[in-house]
Amino acid sequence: MALPTRSVWAPAGALAGLLLLVAAAPPAVDYRAPGDETGLPVSYPADMDVAQSDYVEQCGGCHGIKGNAAPAELPNLQGRVGWFMCLPEGRDYLMRLPNIARSRIDDNEQLAALMNFMVFGLGGKSTPAGTKPFTAAEVAVGRTKAFNSVSLIKTRAEIVEKVIQKCGAPASLRLMYPQGTSAMPVLAAAGKPPKS
């Protein structure tokens, strides 16, 4: 009995297409310290903990493995994400983001550890003193209220305005990126970038 040739060649054609895409991709940015052959960014130890590893695997592709998203049109986390923790609605916003609330990480304790790494590790000095870490119970509740139909840019802009007014966050938080790292415009309070 003869095998249909289409079933053999279709996967081979798909593989060839994938190899062409990989070959055409821009070279990866080298975050290694001079002489370091581990391949890890300068800010990560060779023996990353689970939260750091989860961040790199689950979030680093878009937000950058060091929390610097530029040039992606996503907010920078490094030195900034902690400001959201100064208000309950900011904390709640972080928990309800679709990629957090619907994360592939099933274990709520593990997801809380990832969130804490983002806020306390990447957020650094932007995290207010005395901020309580996320808990597994808090993550479990947040996951049931994932944002579905709201504009995340508009919602972020509204929360950022409150954080600036009530917590003394820098006005640069209105930007997706700090000045000089991207051409991304300032987010207006209404959540729409200004027209160019």
C-alpha atoms as a PDB file:
ATOM      1  CA  MET A   1       0.000   0.000   0.000  1.00  0.00           C
ATOM      2  CA  ALA A   2       1.436   3.391  -1.004  1.00  0.00           C
ATOM      3  CA  LEU A   3       1.644   6.134   1.604  1.00  0.00           C
ATOM      4  CA  PRO A   4       0.293   9.557   0.648  1.00  0.00           C
ATOM      5  CA  THR A   5       3.214  11.860  -0.086  1.00  0.00           C
ATOM      6  CA  ARG A   6       1.429  14.934   1.309  1.00  0.00           C
ATOM      7  CA  SER A   7       1.486  13.557   4.876  1.00  0.00           C
ATOM      8  CA  VAL A   8       5.248  13.097   4.653  1.00  0.00           C
ATOM      9  CA  TRP A   9       6.144  16.413   2.999  1.00  0.00           C
ATOM     10  CA  ALA A  10       3.803  18.771   4.912  1.00  0.00           C
ATOM     11  CA  PRO A  11       5.691  18.393   8.233  1.00  0.00           C
ATOM     12  CA  ALA A  12       9.022  18.666   6.407  1.00  0.00           C
ATOM     13  CA  GLY A  13       7.864  21.888   4.734  1.00  0.00           C
ATOM     14  CA  ALA A  14       6.715  23.303   8.079  1.00  0.00           C
ATOM     15  CA  LEU A  15      10.078  22.435   9.653  1.00  0.00           C
ATOM     16  CA  ALA A  16      11.939  24.094   6.787  1.00  0.00           C
ATOM     17  CA  GLY A  17       9.800  27.236   7.225  1.00  0.00           C
ATOM     18  CA  LEU A  18      10.534  27.299  10.947  1.00  0.00           C
ATOM     19  CA  LEU A  19      14.264  26.943  10.323  1.00  0.00           C
ATOM     20  CA  LEU A  20      14.135  29.896   7.903  1.00  0.00           C
ATOM     21  CA  LEU A  21      12.368  32.028  10.544  1.00  0.00           C
ATOM     22  CA  VAL A  22      14.953  31.144  13.165  1.00  0.00           C
ATOM     23  CA  ALA A  23      17.809  31.907  10.778  1.00  0.00           C
ATOM     24  CA  ALA A  24      16.273  35.309   9.928  1.00  0.00           C
ATOM     25  CA  ALA A  25      15.774  36.320  13.584  1.00  0.00           C
ATOM     26  CA  PRO A  26      17.949  39.151  14.888  1.00  0.00           C
ATOM     27  CA  PRO A  27      20.872  38.104  17.072  1.00  0.00           C
ATOM     28  CA  ALA A  28      20.176  37.861  20.785  1.00  0.00           C
ATOM     29  CA  VAL A  29      21.392  40.621  23.075  1.00  0.00           C
ATOM     30  CA  ASP A  30      24.341  39.469  25.171  1.00  0.00           C
ATOM     31  CA  TYR A  31      23.694  40.348  28.819  1.00  0.00           C
ATOM     32  CA  ARG A  32      26.658  38.394  30.134  1.00  0.00           C
ATOM     33  CA  ALA A  33      29.355  39.996  32.175  1.00  0.00           C
ATOM     34  CA  PRO A  34      32.736  40.052  30.426  1.00  0.00           C
ATOM     35  CA  GLY A  35      34.310  36.606  30.726  1.00  0.00           C
ATOM     36  CA  ASP A  36      31.064  35.012  31.983  1.00  0.00           C
ATOM     37  CA  GLU A  37      30.139  31.914  30.011  1.00  0.00           C
ATOM     38  CA  THR A  38      26.954  31.012  31.941  1.00  0.00           C
ATOM     39  CA  GLY A  39      24.723  32.951  29.558  1.00  0.00           C
ATOM     40  CA  LEU A  40      22.804  34.511  32.451  1.00  0.00           C
ATOM     41  CA  PRO A  41      22.307  38.261  32.700  1.00  0.00           C
ATOM     42  CA  VAL A  42      24.553  40.132  35.099  1.00  0.00           C
ATOM     43  CA  SER A  43      21.677  40.515  37.592  1.00  0.00           C
ATOM     44  CA  TYR A  44      20.995  36.768  37.977  1.00  0.00           C
ATOM     45  CA  PRO A  45      23.118  34.320  39.945  1.00  0.00           C
ATOM     46  CA  ALA A  46      24.247  31.095  38.287  1.00  0.00           C
ATOM     47  CA  ASP A  47      21.949  29.220  40.681  1.00  0.00           C
ATOM     48  CA  MET A  48      18.651  31.046  40.068  1.00  0.00           C
ATOM     49  CA  ASP A  49      15.843  30.262  42.441  1.00  0.00           C
ATOM     50  CA  VAL A  50      12.478  29.033  41.130  1.00  0.00           C
ATOM     51  CA  ALA A  51      10.903  32.522  41.113  1.00  0.00           C
ATOM     52  CA  GLN A  52      13.768  33.986  39.072  1.00  0.00           C
ATOM     53  CA  SER A  53      13.644  31.069  36.654  1.00  0.00           C
ATOM     54  CA  ASP A  54       9.854  31.359  36.345  1.00  0.00           C
ATOM     55  CA  TYR A  55      10.184  35.076  35.578  1.00  0.00           C
ATOM     56  CA  VAL A  56      12.758  34.436  32.851  1.00  0.00           C
ATOM     57  CA  GLU A  57      10.623  31.662  31.318  1.00  0.00           C
ATOM     58  CA  GLN A  58       7.157  33.186  31.715  1.00  0.00           C
ATOM     59  CA  CYS A  59       7.728  36.968  31.548  1.00  0.00           C
ATOM     60  CA  GLY A  60      11.227  37.705  30.298  1.00  0.00           C
ATOM     61  CA  GLY A  61      10.391  37.177  26.641  1.00  0.00           C
ATOM     62  CA  CYS A  62       8.185  40.279  26.619  1.00  0.00           C
ATOM     63  CA  HIS A  63       9.245  42.347  29.632  1.00  0.00           C
ATOM     64  CA  GLY A  64      12.941  41.577  29.199  1.00  0.00           C
ATOM     65  CA  ILE A  65      14.889  39.241  31.432  1.00  0.00           C
ATOM     66  CA  LYS A  66      16.123  42.218  33.446  1.00  0.00           C
ATOM     67  CA  GLY A  67      12.727  43.977  33.434  1.00  0.00           C
ATOM     68  CA  ASN A  68      13.633  46.335  30.577  1.00  0.00           C
ATOM     69  CA  ALA A  69      11.017  45.799  27.891  1.00  0.00           C
ATOM     70  CA  ALA A  70      12.242  48.355  25.329  1.00  0.00           C
ATOM     71  CA  PRO A  71      11.701  48.304  22.428  1.00  0.00           C
ATOM     72  CA  ALA A  72       8.605  46.152  23.077  1.00  0.00           C
ATOM     73  CA  GLU A  73       5.502  48.233  23.705  1.00  0.00           C
ATOM     74  CA  LEU A  74       5.168  46.955  27.262  1.00  0.00           C
ATOM     75  CA  PRO A  75       5.951  48.716  30.516  1.00  0.00           C
ATOM     76  CA  ASN A  76       9.451  48.487  31.945  1.00  0.00           C
ATOM     77  CA  LEU A  77       9.388  46.745  35.304  1.00  0.00           C
ATOM     78  CA  GLN A  78      12.938  47.420  36.511  1.00  0.00           C
ATOM     79  CA  GLY A  79      12.978  50.074  39.220  1.00  0.00           C
ATOM     80  CA  ARG A  80       9.321  50.920  38.548  1.00  0.00           C
ATOM     81  CA  VAL A  81       6.841  48.094  39.176  1.00  0.00           C
ATOM     82  CA  GLY A  82       7.078  48.457  42.961  1.00  0.00           C
ATOM     83  CA  TRP A  83       5.228  51.796  42.865  1.00  0.00           C
ATOM     84  CA  PHE A  84       2.005  49.930  42.126  1.00  0.00           C
ATOM     85  CA  MET A  85       2.222  48.336  45.561  1.00  0.00           C
ATOM     86  CA  CYS A  86       1.625  51.621  47.396  1.00  0.00           C
ATOM     87  CA  LEU A  87      -2.144  51.473  46.740  1.00  0.00           C
ATOM     88  CA  PRO A  88      -4.561  48.535  47.041  1.00  0.00           C
ATOM     89  CA  GLU A  89      -5.860  49.140  43.505  1.00  0.00           C
ATOM     90  CA  GLY A  90      -2.310  49.073  42.147  1.00  0.00           C
ATOM     91  CA  ARG A  91      -1.573  45.806  43.914  1.00  0.00           C
ATOM     92  CA  ASP A  92      -4.881  44.414  42.646  1.00  0.00           C
ATOM     93  CA  TYR A  93      -4.063  45.587  39.098  1.00  0.00           C
ATOM     94  CA  LEU A  94      -0.830  43.574  39.080  1.00  0.00           C
ATOM     95  CA  MET A  95      -2.659  40.432  40.223  1.00  0.00           C
ATOM     96  CA  ARG A  96      -5.428  40.776  37.634  1.00  0.00           C
ATOM     97  CA  LEU A  97      -3.201  41.217  34.585  1.00  0.00           C
ATOM     98  CA  PRO A  98      -4.153  38.428  32.150  1.00  0.00           C
ATOM     99  CA  ASN A  99      -0.671  36.921  31.885  1.00  0.00           C
ATOM    100  CA  ILE A 100      -0.463  36.750  35.677  1.00  0.00           C
ATOM    101  CA  ALA A 101      -4.009  35.666  36.524  1.00  0.00           C
ATOM    102  CA  ARG A 102      -4.051  33.121  33.701  1.00  0.00           C
ATOM    103  CA  SER A 103      -0.454  32.049  34.074  1.00  0.00           C
ATOM    104  CA  ARG A 104       0.544  28.506  33.196  1.00  0.00           C
ATOM    105  CA  ILE A 105       1.973  28.272  36.699  1.00  0.00           C
ATOM    106  CA  ASP A 106      -0.761  26.324  38.496  1.00  0.00           C
ATOM    107  CA  ASP A 107       0.684  26.514  41.993  1.00  0.00           C
ATOM    108  CA  ASN A 108      -0.475  29.728  43.703  1.00  0.00           C
ATOM    109  CA  GLU A 109       2.508  29.729  46.071  1.00  0.00           C
ATOM    110  CA  GLN A 110       4.880  29.520  43.119  1.00  0.00           C
ATOM    111  CA  LEU A 111       3.056  32.328  41.282  1.00  0.00           C
ATOM    112  CA  ALA A 112       3.148  34.485  44.436  1.00  0.00           C
ATOM    113  CA  ALA A 113       6.924  33.936  44.582  1.00  0.00           C
ATOM    114  CA  LEU A 114       7.209  35.049  40.943  1.00  0.00           C
ATOM    115  CA  MET A 115       5.170  38.194  41.708  1.00  0.00           C
ATOM    116  CA  ASN A 116       7.345  38.905  44.748  1.00  0.00           C
ATOM    117  CA  PHE A 117      10.502  38.568  42.652  1.00  0.00           C
ATOM    118  CA  MET A 118       9.082  41.094  40.182  1.00  0.00           C
ATOM    119  CA  VAL A 119       8.044  43.586  42.862  1.00  0.00           C
ATOM    120  CA  PHE A 120      10.926  43.277  45.314  1.00  0.00           C
ATOM    121  CA  GLY A 121      13.682  42.112  42.951  1.00  0.00           C
ATOM    122  CA  LEU A 122      13.046  43.962  39.710  1.00  0.00           C
ATOM    123  CA  GLY A 123      11.071  46.771  41.368  1.00  0.00           C
ATOM    124  CA  GLY A 124      13.916  47.402  43.807  1.00  0.00           C
ATOM    125  CA  LYS A 125      13.783  50.837  45.434  1.00  0.00           C
ATOM    126  CA  SER A 126      10.430  51.633  43.794  1.00  0.00           C
ATOM    127  CA  THR A 127       8.761  49.218  46.229  1.00  0.00           C
ATOM    128  CA  PRO A 128       7.551  51.135  49.310  1.00  0.00           C
ATOM    129  CA  ALA A 129       9.114  50.200  52.645  1.00  0.00           C
ATOM    130  CA  GLY A 130       6.895  47.829  54.610  1.00  0.00           C
ATOM    131  CA  THR A 131       5.193  46.365  51.522  1.00  0.00           C
ATOM    132  CA  LYS A 132       3.772  42.953  52.319  1.00  0.00           C
ATOM    133  CA  PRO A 133       4.667  40.157  49.910  1.00  0.00           C
ATOM    134  CA  PHE A 134       1.990  38.522  47.797  1.00  0.00           C
ATOM    135  CA  THR A 135       0.575  35.338  49.344  1.00  0.00           C
ATOM    136  CA  ALA A 136      -0.768  32.165  47.750  1.00  0.00           C
ATOM    137  CA  ALA A 137      -4.254  32.985  49.086  1.00  0.00           C
ATOM    138  CA  GLU A 138      -4.123  36.460  47.524  1.00  0.00           C
ATOM    139  CA  VAL A 139      -3.017  34.979  44.196  1.00  0.00           C
ATOM    140  CA  ALA A 140      -5.874  32.452  44.302  1.00  0.00           C
ATOM    141  CA  VAL A 141      -8.418  35.268  44.679  1.00  0.00           C
ATOM    142  CA  GLY A 142      -6.742  37.503  42.069  1.00  0.00           C
ATOM    143  CA  ARG A 143      -6.845  34.705  39.519  1.00  0.00           C
ATOM    144  CA  THR A 144     -10.648  34.628  39.726  1.00  0.00           C
ATOM    145  CA  LYS A 145     -10.845  38.328  38.739  1.00  0.00           C
ATOM    146  CA  ALA A 146      -8.593  38.438  35.667  1.00  0.00           C
ATOM    147  CA  PHE A 147      -9.086  41.467  33.425  1.00  0.00           C
ATOM    148  CA  ASN A 148     -11.143  40.486  30.396  1.00  0.00           C
ATOM    149  CA  SER A 149     -12.578  43.425  28.560  1.00  0.00           C
ATOM    150  CA  VAL A 150     -10.905  46.518  29.992  1.00  0.00           C
ATOM    151  CA  SER A 151      -8.248  48.559  28.267  1.00  0.00           C
ATOM    152  CA  LEU A 152      -5.098  47.703  30.178  1.00  0.00           C
ATOM    153  CA  ILE A 153      -3.432  50.898  28.926  1.00  0.00           C
ATOM    154  CA  LYS A 154      -6.306  53.053  30.172  1.00  0.00           C
ATOM    155  CA  THR A 155      -6.526  51.194  33.491  1.00  0.00           C
ATOM    156  CA  ARG A 156      -2.755  51.468  33.966  1.00  0.00           C
ATOM    157  CA  ALA A 157      -2.861  55.199  33.203  1.00  0.00           C
ATOM    158  CA  GLU A 158      -5.613  55.769  35.801  1.00  0.00           C
ATOM    159  CA  ILE A 159      -3.737  53.842  38.492  1.00  0.00           C
ATOM    160  CA  VAL A 160      -0.447  55.559  37.624  1.00  0.00           C
ATOM    161  CA  GLU A 161      -2.091  58.982  38.133  1.00  0.00           C
ATOM    162  CA  LYS A 162      -3.271  57.906  41.608  1.00  0.00           C
ATOM    163  CA  VAL A 163       0.159  56.487  42.463  1.00  0.00           C
ATOM    164  CA  ILE A 164       1.838  59.749  41.392  1.00  0.00           C
ATOM    165  CA  GLN A 165      -0.616  61.894  43.375  1.00  0.00           C
ATOM    166  CA  LYS A 166      -0.966  59.780  46.523  1.00  0.00           C
ATOM    167  CA  CYS A 167       2.394  58.038  46.784  1.00  0.00           C
ATOM    168  CA  GLY A 168       4.856  60.480  45.284  1.00  0.00           C
ATOM    169  CA  ALA A 169       5.861  58.264  42.369  1.00  0.00           C
ATOM    170  CA  PRO A 170       7.863  60.066  39.689  1.00  0.00           C
ATOM    171  CA  ALA A 171       5.926  61.554  36.759  1.00  0.00           C
ATOM    172  CA  SER A 172       8.068  59.397  34.456  1.00  0.00           C
ATOM    173  CA  LEU A 173       5.919  56.436  35.553  1.00  0.00           C
ATOM    174  CA  ARG A 174       3.401  57.750  32.997  1.00  0.00           C
ATOM    175  CA  LEU A 175       5.826  56.542  30.347  1.00  0.00           C
ATOM    176  CA  MET A 176       5.972  52.897  29.426  1.00  0.00           C
ATOM    177  CA  TYR A 177       9.757  53.327  29.597  1.00  0.00           C
ATOM    178  CA  PRO A 178      11.997  55.781  31.405  1.00  0.00           C
ATOM    179  CA  GLN A 179      13.115  58.778  29.300  1.00  0.00           C
ATOM    180  CA  GLY A 180      15.722  57.977  26.696  1.00  0.00           C
ATOM    181  CA  THR A 181      15.077  54.228  26.409  1.00  0.00           C
ATOM    182  CA  SER A 182      12.299  54.284  23.832  1.00  0.00           C
ATOM    183  CA  ALA A 183      10.295  56.378  21.452  1.00  0.00           C
ATOM    184  CA  MET A 184       7.096  55.329  23.249  1.00  0.00           C
ATOM    185  CA  PRO A 185       5.060  58.477  23.956  1.00  0.00           C
ATOM    186  CA  VAL A 186       3.756  59.617  27.312  1.00  0.00           C
ATOM    187  CA  LEU A 187       0.484  57.951  28.229  1.00  0.00           C
ATOM    188  CA  ALA A 188      -2.252  60.509  28.677  1.00  0.00           C
ATOM    189  CA  ALA A 189      -4.519  60.240  31.722  1.00  0.00           C
ATOM    190  CA  ALA A 190      -7.225  58.920  29.367  1.00  0.00           C
ATOM    191  CA  GLY A 191      -4.922  56.069  28.466  1.00  0.00           C
ATOM    192  CA  LYS A 192      -4.268  57.057  24.864  1.00  0.00           C
ATOM    193  CA  PRO A 193      -0.869  57.959  23.487  1.00  0.00           C
ATOM    194  CA  PRO A 194      -0.733  61.510  22.107  1.00  0.00           C
ATOM    195  CA  LYS A 195      -1.055  61.851  18.343  1.00  0.00           C
ATOM    196  CA  SER A 196       2.209  62.383  16.539  1.00  0.00           C
END
